[in-house]
């Protein structure tokens, strides 16, 4: 940068004198700032050095021929500094002086533009490949646009475009295999990427593929839950994490119409009014043909409700599913299947803050309605007797503890629970729940 100061003919660079002048700890930061200005093509007449120490104050004051200041920063006039360099015949201009001190200056703007173009090419290459190979999953282009904008790919590739290209290609190789056939995640990773652990949580390719699955599912279903855990997310594309045997869901009297293995065992259990545990593996690999269009499926929080319903009503009990506390992958996968098959849900849980939290999740995610689970039902439950118990719930004073949670379907419920400070577990209102399950109409 030559600021147009005419002080005579340009001089050669006096390297020795220039280095002696600037080779001081007190001028190192100033030289750094000057280098950055030229490399970033900053065109400003002043340079500010914040929070200078005493050595810097003295060195800069000596260089500029002015008193040592005491402010929080030092403001340096670039025109004046360049004039000093030229009058002393140290260099023809300030830029030449900085280059002599620090070596060839880079053009940061050009370098940045080149890097941006390289990254753009990474995405454009994949977009072309997708178009040529007719990858038609909705959401793929949204996935790429999101990666381009939020920098996730750059972070995973540690800023290396070659790594980014490899990661994207590996991710696409996996995506082309989805939905799967009920194979395990490690099998998918081994057959597609040559490494059984390449899709483990935390691996870069796994992160990219899971983001793609989320975008694809969002494109297919605008109301889907964005907070699915890994097990649920992979199960949604028929891939099993860890075999998916330990994730189970308890059901009673679910109607089916197919002839698969799952249909047969569910049908047999329903014929005899017996509760049945279904695994996530079974729901993914051998899903039943659900005959639930327009039907109401009852959801409860505690297995005791299912056991009592089977004991009292047997085959006459309405279809019932238990969350067993916080919903797991098998439950959520089953409810997704039933919802797609046309089922509607009603839910009851414990009248406590964890119970309200679970209910909020069910209500929001699956558009469920309350089943004896609102303000009016809570007030009634405070006076009801449990089977064989002499005492009312209110008399026992089962204290409601923890942080209050707003019931998204009934704010009045939250308010009255805060006022009464009494928790009511499902087991305390079994009589009412069992009655509505048998009659199949009272909510």
Foldseek 3Di string as FASTA:
>chain_A
DAPPDPPDDWAAAPLVVLCVLQVFPLNVVVLVVVLVCVQAVPDDQKDKAFQGDQSVQVSVCVLQVHDRDDDRIDIGGLVSNQVSCRVVSNGRGDVVSSCSVPNDRHNVVVVVVVLLVLLVVLLVVVVVVCVVVVPPQPQPVVLSVCCNPPVLLCVLQVNDSVSSSVLVVLLVQLVVCWLDQQEAQLVSCCVRPVGSCCLPPPHSSVVSNLSSLLRSVCRVPVQADSPDDPQLSNLVRNYHYPLQAPAKWKKWQFDFDDDWPVNVVSVVRLVFRHIDIDTSSCCRNPNTHGPAAPHEAEEEADVVLSVVLCVPPRNLFAIYIYCPQARDSSVVSVLVVNVVVHYAYEYDWKLAQSRLVNVQCCCRRNVYHYACHEQVSVVVQQAAAAPPDPDGQLVVQQFHDDDQDARPRYNNSSVVCVVSRGIGGPNRVSVVVSVCRNVVPHD
